[in-house]
Amino acid sequence: MRRYWQLIKHDLGSLEIFLENLYAVHSIAYGQLDHHFYVFAVRENGHWLSWEETCFYAAMLDLPTVPVIRQLTAPQHKADFENEILTIVKGTGSFDAHDAATGAPATMEGVVTRNAAGFPVSAFAENVFKYVRKGHVKTDVHWTRNWRRAALKYEGGNYVDHHR
């Protein structure tokens, strides 16, 4: 990513690209990663761009976007929205989550929802919601000493088979 950044940083102008970094395996290993970095937002001059614009710039930069699990239409009743999120995070997600230590299937770490339209930075809290399940982090504060690079799908993924 550092080499790529050196190639593009002077071409971005006022665009800020935000990426989910999945380069290192922590508590959860993913078996279906096509890339180590996934674009989740683009900001320009104090404004978060729409999801459509975010996808456009990600494609221009030849970077994948985070998976869209489901598109919900507004307005949503609070209880319906909460139930939808809690149902979604019971699965292993698009990247096929597994416990990094045991290899057992794991539920999703969490989910981020956002307004598909653009919005000003000052309205971030009204337009973005992040849910992270309790207890998903199982590494201690020193995980960086023993980390390993996440294998990509074409490399065989990150499954740990403890039955061999």
N, C-alpha and C. Protein backbone atom coordinates (compact mmCIF):
# COMPACT_ATOMS: atom_id res chain seq x y z
N MET A 1 0.83 -1.19 0.00
CA MET A 1 0.00 0.00 0.00
C MET A 1 0.88 1.26 0.00
N ARG A 2 2.00 1.20 0.68
CA ARG A 2 2.89 2.37 0.70
C ARG A 2 3.40 2.71 -0.69
N ARG A 3 3.76 1.69 -1.45
CA ARG A 3 4.23 1.92 -2.82
C ARG A 3 3.11 2.52 -3.67
N TYR A 4 1.91 1.98 -3.51
CA TYR A 4 0.76 2.47 -4.26
C TYR A 4 0.48 3.93 -3.88
N TRP A 5 0.54 4.24 -2.60
CA TRP A 5 0.31 5.60 -2.11
C TRP A 5 1.30 6.57 -2.76
N GLN A 6 2.56 6.17 -2.87
CA GLN A 6 3.56 7.04 -3.49
C GLN A 6 3.21 7.34 -4.95
N LEU A 7 2.57 6.40 -5.62
CA LEU A 7 2.20 6.60 -7.02
C LEU A 7 1.00 7.53 -7.21
N ILE A 8 0.06 7.53 -6.27
CA ILE A 8 -1.20 8.26 -6.49
C ILE A 8 -1.38 9.51 -5.65
N LYS A 9 -0.59 9.70 -4.61
CA LYS A 9 -0.89 10.76 -3.64
C LYS A 9 -0.93 12.16 -4.24
N HIS A 10 -0.19 12.42 -5.28
CA HIS A 10 -0.19 13.76 -5.87
C HIS A 10 -1.32 13.95 -6.88
N ASP A 11 -2.04 12.90 -7.18
CA ASP A 11 -3.15 12.97 -8.14
C ASP A 11 -4.52 13.10 -7.46
N LEU A 12 -4.56 13.03 -6.15
CA LEU A 12 -5.83 13.00 -5.45
C LEU A 12 -6.44 14.38 -5.20
N GLY A 13 -5.64 15.43 -5.29
CA GLY A 13 -6.16 16.76 -4.99
C GLY A 13 -6.69 16.81 -3.57
N SER A 14 -7.94 17.21 -3.39
CA SER A 14 -8.52 17.32 -2.06
C SER A 14 -9.27 16.06 -1.63
N LEU A 15 -9.18 14.99 -2.41
CA LEU A 15 -9.84 13.74 -2.04
C LEU A 15 -9.09 13.03 -0.93
N GLU A 16 -9.82 12.52 0.05
CA GLU A 16 -9.27 11.68 1.10
C GLU A 16 -9.95 10.32 0.99
N ILE A 17 -9.15 9.27 0.83
CA ILE A 17 -9.68 7.92 0.64
C ILE A 17 -9.54 7.17 1.96
N PHE A 18 -10.64 6.57 2.43
CA PHE A 18 -10.64 5.83 3.68
C PHE A 18 -10.77 4.34 3.38
N LEU A 19 -9.87 3.55 3.95
CA LEU A 19 -9.77 2.13 3.66
C LEU A 19 -9.90 1.29 4.92
N GLU A 20 -10.52 0.13 4.78
CA GLU A 20 -10.49 -0.88 5.85
C GLU A 20 -9.24 -1.70 5.59
N ASN A 21 -8.38 -1.80 6.60
CA ASN A 21 -7.11 -2.49 6.49
C ASN A 21 -7.26 -3.92 7.02
N LEU A 22 -7.18 -4.90 6.13
CA LEU A 22 -7.29 -6.30 6.52
C LEU A 22 -5.98 -7.05 6.26
N TYR A 23 -4.89 -6.33 6.28
CA TYR A 23 -3.58 -6.90 5.96
C TYR A 23 -3.12 -7.93 6.99
N ALA A 24 -3.39 -7.66 8.26
CA ALA A 24 -2.93 -8.55 9.32
C ALA A 24 -4.09 -9.33 9.92
N VAL A 25 -3.82 -10.58 10.29
CA VAL A 25 -4.80 -11.41 10.99
C VAL A 25 -4.74 -11.06 12.47
N HIS A 26 -5.89 -10.77 13.04
CA HIS A 26 -5.99 -10.49 14.48
C HIS A 26 -6.77 -11.65 15.10
N SER A 27 -7.91 -11.38 15.68
CA SER A 27 -8.76 -12.41 16.29
C SER A 27 -9.56 -13.18 15.25
N ILE A 28 -9.84 -12.54 14.14
CA ILE A 28 -10.66 -13.15 13.09
C ILE A 28 -9.82 -13.28 11.82
N ALA A 29 -9.87 -14.46 11.23
CA ALA A 29 -9.22 -14.71 9.94
C ALA A 29 -10.29 -14.79 8.88
N TYR A 30 -9.98 -14.29 7.70
CA TYR A 30 -10.95 -14.28 6.62
C TYR A 30 -10.48 -15.18 5.49
N GLY A 31 -11.35 -16.05 5.02
CA GLY A 31 -10.99 -16.99 3.96
C GLY A 31 -11.28 -16.49 2.56
N GLN A 32 -11.96 -15.35 2.43
CA GLN A 32 -12.39 -14.89 1.12
C GLN A 32 -11.97 -13.44 0.83
N LEU A 33 -10.72 -13.11 1.10
CA LEU A 33 -10.23 -11.76 0.80
C LEU A 33 -9.65 -11.72 -0.61
N ASP A 34 -10.11 -10.78 -1.41
CA ASP A 34 -9.52 -10.57 -2.73
C ASP A 34 -8.41 -9.53 -2.66
N HIS A 35 -8.41 -8.73 -1.60
CA HIS A 35 -7.48 -7.61 -1.48
C HIS A 35 -7.27 -7.36 0.02
N HIS A 36 -6.22 -6.68 0.37
CA HIS A 36 -5.99 -6.35 1.78
C HIS A 36 -6.63 -5.03 2.21
N PHE A 37 -7.00 -4.20 1.27
CA PHE A 37 -7.53 -2.88 1.59
C PHE A 37 -8.82 -2.62 0.81
N TYR A 38 -9.85 -2.22 1.54
CA TYR A 38 -11.18 -2.00 0.95
C TYR A 38 -11.64 -0.58 1.25
N VAL A 39 -11.99 0.16 0.21
CA VAL A 39 -12.47 1.53 0.36
C VAL A 39 -13.84 1.51 1.02
N PHE A 40 -14.00 2.35 2.05
CA PHE A 40 -15.32 2.46 2.67
C PHE A 40 -15.87 3.88 2.62
N ALA A 41 -15.03 4.85 2.30
CA ALA A 41 -15.54 6.23 2.23
C ALA A 41 -14.53 7.11 1.50
N VAL A 42 -15.05 8.20 0.96
CA VAL A 42 -14.21 9.24 0.35
C VAL A 42 -14.74 10.58 0.86
N ARG A 43 -13.81 11.40 1.28
CA ARG A 43 -14.17 12.73 1.78
C ARG A 43 -13.46 13.77 0.93
N GLU A 44 -14.17 14.87 0.67
CA GLU A 44 -13.60 15.96 -0.12
C GLU A 44 -14.07 17.28 0.44
N ASN A 45 -13.13 18.12 0.84
CA ASN A 45 -13.44 19.47 1.33
C ASN A 45 -14.54 19.50 2.39
N GLY A 46 -14.43 18.66 3.41
CA GLY A 46 -15.40 18.68 4.49
C GLY A 46 -16.73 18.05 4.17
N HIS A 47 -16.77 17.21 3.13
CA HIS A 47 -18.02 16.57 2.73
C HIS A 47 -17.75 15.09 2.43
N TRP A 48 -18.54 14.21 3.06
CA TRP A 48 -18.45 12.79 2.75
C TRP A 48 -19.22 12.56 1.45
N LEU A 49 -18.57 11.96 0.48
CA LEU A 49 -19.19 11.73 -0.81
C LEU A 49 -20.23 10.61 -0.72
N SER A 50 -21.15 10.60 -1.65
CA SER A 50 -22.18 9.56 -1.69
C SER A 50 -21.51 8.21 -1.93
N TRP A 51 -22.27 7.15 -1.68
CA TRP A 51 -21.73 5.81 -1.93
C TRP A 51 -21.44 5.62 -3.42
N GLU A 52 -22.29 6.16 -4.27
CA GLU A 52 -22.07 6.06 -5.72
C GLU A 52 -20.75 6.73 -6.11
N GLU A 53 -20.50 7.91 -5.57
CA GLU A 53 -19.24 8.61 -5.86
C GLU A 53 -18.05 7.87 -5.26
N THR A 54 -18.23 7.31 -4.07
CA THR A 54 -17.18 6.53 -3.44
C THR A 54 -16.80 5.34 -4.31
N CYS A 55 -17.80 4.64 -4.83
CA CYS A 55 -17.54 3.50 -5.72
C CYS A 55 -16.83 3.94 -7.00
N PHE A 56 -17.21 5.09 -7.52
CA PHE A 56 -16.57 5.63 -8.72
C PHE A 56 -15.08 5.86 -8.48
N TYR A 57 -14.75 6.56 -7.40
CA TYR A 57 -13.34 6.84 -7.12
C TYR A 57 -12.56 5.57 -6.79
N ALA A 58 -13.17 4.65 -6.08
CA ALA A 58 -12.50 3.38 -5.79
C ALA A 58 -12.15 2.67 -7.09
N ALA A 59 -13.11 2.63 -8.03
CA ALA A 59 -12.85 1.99 -9.32
C ALA A 59 -11.75 2.71 -10.09
N MET A 60 -11.77 4.05 -10.04
CA MET A 60 -10.71 4.83 -10.71
C MET A 60 -9.34 4.51 -10.14
N LEU A 61 -9.28 4.21 -8.85
CA LEU A 61 -8.02 3.90 -8.18
C LEU A 61 -7.71 2.40 -8.21
N ASP A 62 -8.59 1.63 -8.86
CA ASP A 62 -8.44 0.18 -8.95
C ASP A 62 -8.37 -0.47 -7.56
N LEU A 63 -9.25 0.00 -6.67
CA LEU A 63 -9.35 -0.56 -5.32
C LEU A 63 -10.77 -1.05 -5.11
N PRO A 64 -10.94 -2.18 -4.40
CA PRO A 64 -12.29 -2.67 -4.14
C PRO A 64 -12.96 -1.84 -3.04
N THR A 65 -14.28 -1.86 -3.03
CA THR A 65 -15.02 -1.25 -1.93
C THR A 65 -15.42 -2.35 -0.95
N VAL A 66 -15.73 -1.95 0.27
CA VAL A 66 -16.25 -2.92 1.23
C VAL A 66 -17.53 -3.51 0.66
N PRO A 67 -17.84 -4.75 1.00
CA PRO A 67 -19.05 -5.36 0.47
C PRO A 67 -20.32 -4.65 0.96
N VAL A 68 -21.27 -4.52 0.08
CA VAL A 68 -22.59 -4.02 0.47
C VAL A 68 -23.41 -5.26 0.81
N ILE A 69 -23.78 -5.37 2.05
CA ILE A 69 -24.52 -6.55 2.51
C ILE A 69 -26.00 -6.42 2.15
N ARG A 70 -26.53 -5.26 2.38
CA ARG A 70 -27.94 -5.03 2.09
C ARG A 70 -28.18 -3.53 2.01
N GLN A 71 -29.01 -3.13 1.09
CA GLN A 71 -29.41 -1.73 1.00
C GLN A 71 -30.81 -1.61 1.57
N LEU A 72 -30.95 -0.77 2.58
CA LEU A 72 -32.24 -0.55 3.22
C LEU A 72 -32.81 0.76 2.75
N THR A 73 -34.11 0.82 2.66
CA THR A 73 -34.75 2.07 2.27
C THR A 73 -35.25 2.78 3.51
N ALA A 74 -35.23 4.07 3.46
CA ALA A 74 -35.69 4.89 4.59
C ALA A 74 -37.16 5.19 4.39
N PRO A 75 -37.92 5.48 5.38
CA PRO A 75 -37.49 5.46 6.79
C PRO A 75 -37.60 4.06 7.38
N GLN A 76 -36.76 3.79 8.34
CA GLN A 76 -36.77 2.53 9.06
C GLN A 76 -37.24 2.79 10.48
N HIS A 77 -38.08 1.92 10.99
CA HIS A 77 -38.42 2.00 12.40
C HIS A 77 -37.23 1.49 13.19
N LYS A 78 -36.95 2.10 14.31
CA LYS A 78 -35.77 1.76 15.11
C LYS A 78 -35.70 0.26 15.41
N ALA A 79 -36.78 -0.33 15.87
CA ALA A 79 -36.79 -1.75 16.22
C ALA A 79 -36.52 -2.62 14.99
N ASP A 80 -37.10 -2.27 13.85
CA ASP A 80 -36.86 -3.03 12.61
C ASP A 80 -35.40 -2.93 12.19
N PHE A 81 -34.83 -1.73 12.29
CA PHE A 81 -33.43 -1.52 11.94
C PHE A 81 -32.52 -2.35 12.85
N GLU A 82 -32.77 -2.29 14.15
CA GLU A 82 -31.95 -3.05 15.11
C GLU A 82 -32.04 -4.55 14.84
N ASN A 83 -33.24 -5.05 14.59
CA ASN A 83 -33.41 -6.48 14.29
C ASN A 83 -32.69 -6.87 13.00
N GLU A 84 -32.75 -6.01 12.00
CA GLU A 84 -32.06 -6.27 10.74
C GLU A 84 -30.55 -6.38 10.96
N ILE A 85 -29.98 -5.45 11.70
CA ILE A 85 -28.54 -5.47 11.98
C ILE A 85 -28.16 -6.72 12.77
N LEU A 86 -28.92 -7.04 13.82
CA LEU A 86 -28.62 -8.21 14.65
C LEU A 86 -28.74 -9.51 13.86
N THR A 87 -29.63 -9.56 12.90
CA THR A 87 -29.75 -10.74 12.04
C THR A 87 -28.55 -10.84 11.10
N ILE A 88 -28.17 -9.73 10.51
CA ILE A 88 -27.04 -9.72 9.58
C ILE A 88 -25.75 -10.18 10.25
N VAL A 89 -25.47 -9.70 11.45
CA VAL A 89 -24.18 -9.99 12.08
C VAL A 89 -24.09 -11.40 12.67
N LYS A 90 -25.15 -12.17 12.56
CA LYS A 90 -25.09 -13.57 13.01
C LYS A 90 -24.38 -14.46 12.00
N GLY A 91 -24.16 -13.95 10.78
CA GLY A 91 -23.50 -14.73 9.74
C GLY A 91 -22.00 -14.52 9.74
N THR A 92 -21.32 -15.24 8.85
CA THR A 92 -19.86 -15.12 8.74
C THR A 92 -19.44 -13.98 7.83
N GLY A 93 -20.39 -13.35 7.15
CA GLY A 93 -20.10 -12.20 6.31
C GLY A 93 -19.52 -12.57 4.96
N SER A 94 -19.31 -11.55 4.16
CA SER A 94 -18.82 -11.72 2.80
C SER A 94 -17.40 -12.29 2.72
N PHE A 95 -16.61 -12.09 3.77
CA PHE A 95 -15.22 -12.53 3.75
C PHE A 95 -15.03 -13.87 4.44
N ASP A 96 -16.11 -14.52 4.89
CA ASP A 96 -16.05 -15.85 5.49
C ASP A 96 -15.17 -15.84 6.74
N ALA A 97 -15.67 -15.24 7.79
CA ALA A 97 -14.93 -15.08 9.05
C ALA A 97 -14.75 -16.41 9.79
N HIS A 98 -13.55 -16.60 10.32
CA HIS A 98 -13.21 -17.76 11.14
C HIS A 98 -12.37 -17.29 12.33
N ASP A 99 -12.50 -17.98 13.44
CA ASP A 99 -11.67 -17.70 14.61
C ASP A 99 -10.22 -17.97 14.22
N ALA A 100 -9.35 -17.00 14.41
CA ALA A 100 -7.96 -17.12 13.98
C ALA A 100 -7.21 -18.21 14.75
N ALA A 101 -7.61 -18.47 15.98
CA ALA A 101 -6.90 -19.46 16.80
C ALA A 101 -7.38 -20.88 16.54
N THR A 102 -8.69 -21.07 16.35
CA THR A 102 -9.24 -22.42 16.24
C THR A 102 -9.64 -22.82 14.83
N GLY A 103 -9.88 -21.84 13.98
CA GLY A 103 -10.36 -22.12 12.64
C GLY A 103 -11.86 -22.32 12.56
N ALA A 104 -12.54 -22.26 13.69
CA ALA A 104 -14.00 -22.44 13.70
C ALA A 104 -14.68 -21.25 13.06
N PRO A 105 -15.80 -21.48 12.37
CA PRO A 105 -16.55 -20.35 11.81
C PRO A 105 -16.87 -19.33 12.90
N ALA A 106 -16.79 -18.07 12.53
CA ALA A 106 -17.06 -16.98 13.48
C ALA A 106 -18.12 -16.07 12.90
N THR A 107 -18.87 -15.46 13.78
CA THR A 107 -19.82 -14.47 13.29
C THR A 107 -19.07 -13.20 12.95
N MET A 108 -19.73 -12.35 12.20
CA MET A 108 -19.11 -11.10 11.76
C MET A 108 -18.63 -10.28 12.95
N GLU A 109 -17.55 -9.57 12.72
CA GLU A 109 -17.01 -8.65 13.72
C GLU A 109 -17.98 -7.51 13.97
N GLY A 110 -18.61 -7.04 12.91
CA GLY A 110 -19.55 -5.93 13.03
C GLY A 110 -19.99 -5.47 11.67
N VAL A 111 -20.67 -4.35 11.66
CA VAL A 111 -21.20 -3.81 10.42
C VAL A 111 -21.27 -2.29 10.55
N VAL A 112 -21.06 -1.62 9.43
CA VAL A 112 -21.20 -0.17 9.38
C VAL A 112 -22.31 0.14 8.39
N THR A 113 -23.20 1.00 8.79
CA THR A 113 -24.23 1.46 7.88
C THR A 113 -24.03 2.95 7.66
N ARG A 114 -24.43 3.40 6.50
CA ARG A 114 -24.28 4.81 6.19
C ARG A 114 -25.40 5.26 5.27
N ASN A 115 -25.65 6.52 5.28
CA ASN A 115 -26.56 7.13 4.34
C ASN A 115 -25.88 7.03 2.98
N ALA A 116 -26.57 6.53 1.97
CA ALA A 116 -25.98 6.38 0.65
C ALA A 116 -25.73 7.73 -0.03
N ALA A 117 -26.44 8.76 0.41
CA ALA A 117 -26.23 10.10 -0.13
C ALA A 117 -25.00 10.73 0.54
N GLY A 118 -24.45 11.74 -0.07
CA GLY A 118 -23.37 12.48 0.55
C GLY A 118 -23.89 13.32 1.71
N PHE A 119 -22.99 13.74 2.59
CA PHE A 119 -23.39 14.56 3.73
C PHE A 119 -22.17 15.29 4.27
N PRO A 120 -22.39 16.43 4.94
CA PRO A 120 -21.27 17.19 5.49
C PRO A 120 -20.63 16.48 6.68
N VAL A 121 -19.36 16.73 6.89
CA VAL A 121 -18.65 16.13 8.01
C VAL A 121 -19.37 16.42 9.33
N SER A 122 -19.93 17.60 9.46
CA SER A 122 -20.63 17.98 10.69
C SER A 122 -21.85 17.11 10.98
N ALA A 123 -22.36 16.40 9.97
CA ALA A 123 -23.54 15.55 10.14
C ALA A 123 -23.18 14.06 10.17
N PHE A 124 -21.93 13.74 10.43
CA PHE A 124 -21.47 12.35 10.43
C PHE A 124 -22.28 11.48 11.38
N ALA A 125 -22.46 11.91 12.61
CA ALA A 125 -23.17 11.11 13.62
C ALA A 125 -24.61 10.81 13.24
N GLU A 126 -25.21 11.64 12.44
CA GLU A 126 -26.60 11.41 12.02
C GLU A 126 -26.69 10.53 10.77
N ASN A 127 -25.55 10.21 10.16
CA ASN A 127 -25.56 9.50 8.88
C ASN A 127 -24.78 8.19 8.87
N VAL A 128 -24.04 7.91 9.94
CA VAL A 128 -23.22 6.70 9.99
C VAL A 128 -23.48 5.98 11.31
N PHE A 129 -23.61 4.66 11.24
CA PHE A 129 -23.83 3.84 12.42
C PHE A 129 -22.90 2.65 12.35
N LYS A 130 -22.19 2.37 13.44
CA LYS A 130 -21.28 1.22 13.49
C LYS A 130 -21.69 0.33 14.65
N TYR A 131 -21.82 -0.96 14.35
CA TYR A 131 -22.11 -1.96 15.37
C TYR A 131 -20.96 -2.95 15.37
N VAL A 132 -20.37 -3.19 16.55
CA VAL A 132 -19.31 -4.19 16.71
C VAL A 132 -19.75 -5.12 17.83
N ARG A 133 -19.72 -6.42 17.55
CA ARG A 133 -20.20 -7.36 18.55
C ARG A 133 -19.24 -7.44 19.73
N LYS A 134 -19.80 -7.62 20.89
CA LYS A 134 -19.03 -7.73 22.12
C LYS A 134 -18.17 -9.00 22.07
N GLY A 135 -16.93 -8.87 22.50
CA GLY A 135 -16.05 -10.03 22.62
C GLY A 135 -15.38 -10.50 21.35
N HIS A 136 -15.44 -9.69 20.27
CA HIS A 136 -14.80 -10.17 19.03
C HIS A 136 -13.28 -10.10 19.10
N VAL A 137 -12.74 -9.22 19.94
CA VAL A 137 -11.28 -9.11 20.06
C VAL A 137 -10.81 -10.11 21.10
N LYS A 138 -9.92 -11.01 20.67
CA LYS A 138 -9.39 -12.02 21.58
C LYS A 138 -7.88 -11.93 21.73
N THR A 139 -7.28 -11.00 21.04
CA THR A 139 -5.84 -10.82 21.15
C THR A 139 -5.54 -9.86 22.27
N ASP A 140 -4.33 -9.97 22.82
CA ASP A 140 -3.95 -9.03 23.88
C ASP A 140 -3.33 -7.79 23.25
N VAL A 141 -2.88 -6.87 24.08
CA VAL A 141 -2.34 -5.61 23.58
C VAL A 141 -1.05 -5.80 22.78
N HIS A 142 -0.45 -6.97 22.87
CA HIS A 142 0.82 -7.21 22.19
C HIS A 142 0.67 -8.08 20.94
N TRP A 143 -0.52 -8.10 20.34
CA TRP A 143 -0.74 -8.94 19.16
C TRP A 143 0.22 -8.58 18.04
N THR A 144 0.72 -7.34 18.02
CA THR A 144 1.58 -6.90 16.93
C THR A 144 2.93 -7.62 16.93
N ARG A 145 3.30 -8.23 18.03
CA ARG A 145 4.58 -8.95 18.09
C ARG A 145 4.54 -10.25 17.31
N ASN A 146 3.36 -10.85 17.21
CA ASN A 146 3.24 -12.18 16.59
C ASN A 146 2.24 -12.21 15.44
N TRP A 147 2.00 -11.10 14.82
CA TRP A 147 0.99 -11.05 13.78
C TRP A 147 1.45 -11.79 12.55
N ARG A 148 0.47 -12.14 11.72
CA ARG A 148 0.78 -12.74 10.42
C ARG A 148 -0.05 -12.04 9.35
N ARG A 149 0.49 -12.03 8.16
CA ARG A 149 -0.17 -11.40 7.02
C ARG A 149 -1.38 -12.24 6.62
N ALA A 150 -2.49 -11.58 6.33
CA ALA A 150 -3.68 -12.27 5.87
C ALA A 150 -3.46 -12.79 4.46
N ALA A 151 -3.75 -14.06 4.26
CA ALA A 151 -3.63 -14.66 2.93
C ALA A 151 -4.84 -14.27 2.10
N LEU A 152 -4.61 -13.99 0.85
CA LEU A 152 -5.70 -13.66 -0.05
C LEU A 152 -6.35 -14.93 -0.60
N LYS A 153 -7.54 -14.80 -1.14
CA LYS A 153 -8.31 -15.94 -1.62
C LYS A 153 -7.51 -16.78 -2.61
N TYR A 154 -6.83 -16.13 -3.54
CA TYR A 154 -6.07 -16.89 -4.55
C TYR A 154 -4.84 -17.57 -3.94
N GLU A 155 -4.51 -17.21 -2.70
CA GLU A 155 -3.40 -17.86 -1.99
C GLU A 155 -3.88 -18.98 -1.07
N GLY A 156 -5.17 -19.20 -1.05
CA GLY A 156 -5.72 -20.27 -0.21
C GLY A 156 -6.46 -19.78 1.02
N GLY A 157 -6.50 -18.48 1.23
CA GLY A 157 -7.23 -17.94 2.39
C GLY A 157 -6.50 -18.16 3.70
N ASN A 158 -7.22 -17.98 4.78
CA ASN A 158 -6.62 -18.00 6.11
C ASN A 158 -7.17 -19.09 7.02
N TYR A 159 -7.61 -20.17 6.45
CA TYR A 159 -8.18 -21.22 7.29
C TYR A 159 -7.11 -21.89 8.12
N VAL A 160 -7.45 -22.16 9.36
CA VAL A 160 -6.59 -22.91 10.24
C VAL A 160 -7.26 -24.27 10.44
N ASP A 161 -6.65 -25.34 9.96
CA ASP A 161 -7.24 -26.66 10.11
C ASP A 161 -6.57 -27.36 11.27
N HIS A 162 -7.27 -27.46 12.41
CA HIS A 162 -6.71 -28.07 13.60
C HIS A 162 -7.00 -29.57 13.66
N HIS A 163 -7.56 -30.12 12.59
CA HIS A 163 -7.90 -31.54 12.58
C HIS A 163 -6.91 -32.37 11.79
N ARG A 164 -5.82 -31.79 11.37
CA ARG A 164 -4.80 -32.54 10.59
C ARG A 164 -3.93 -33.35 11.51
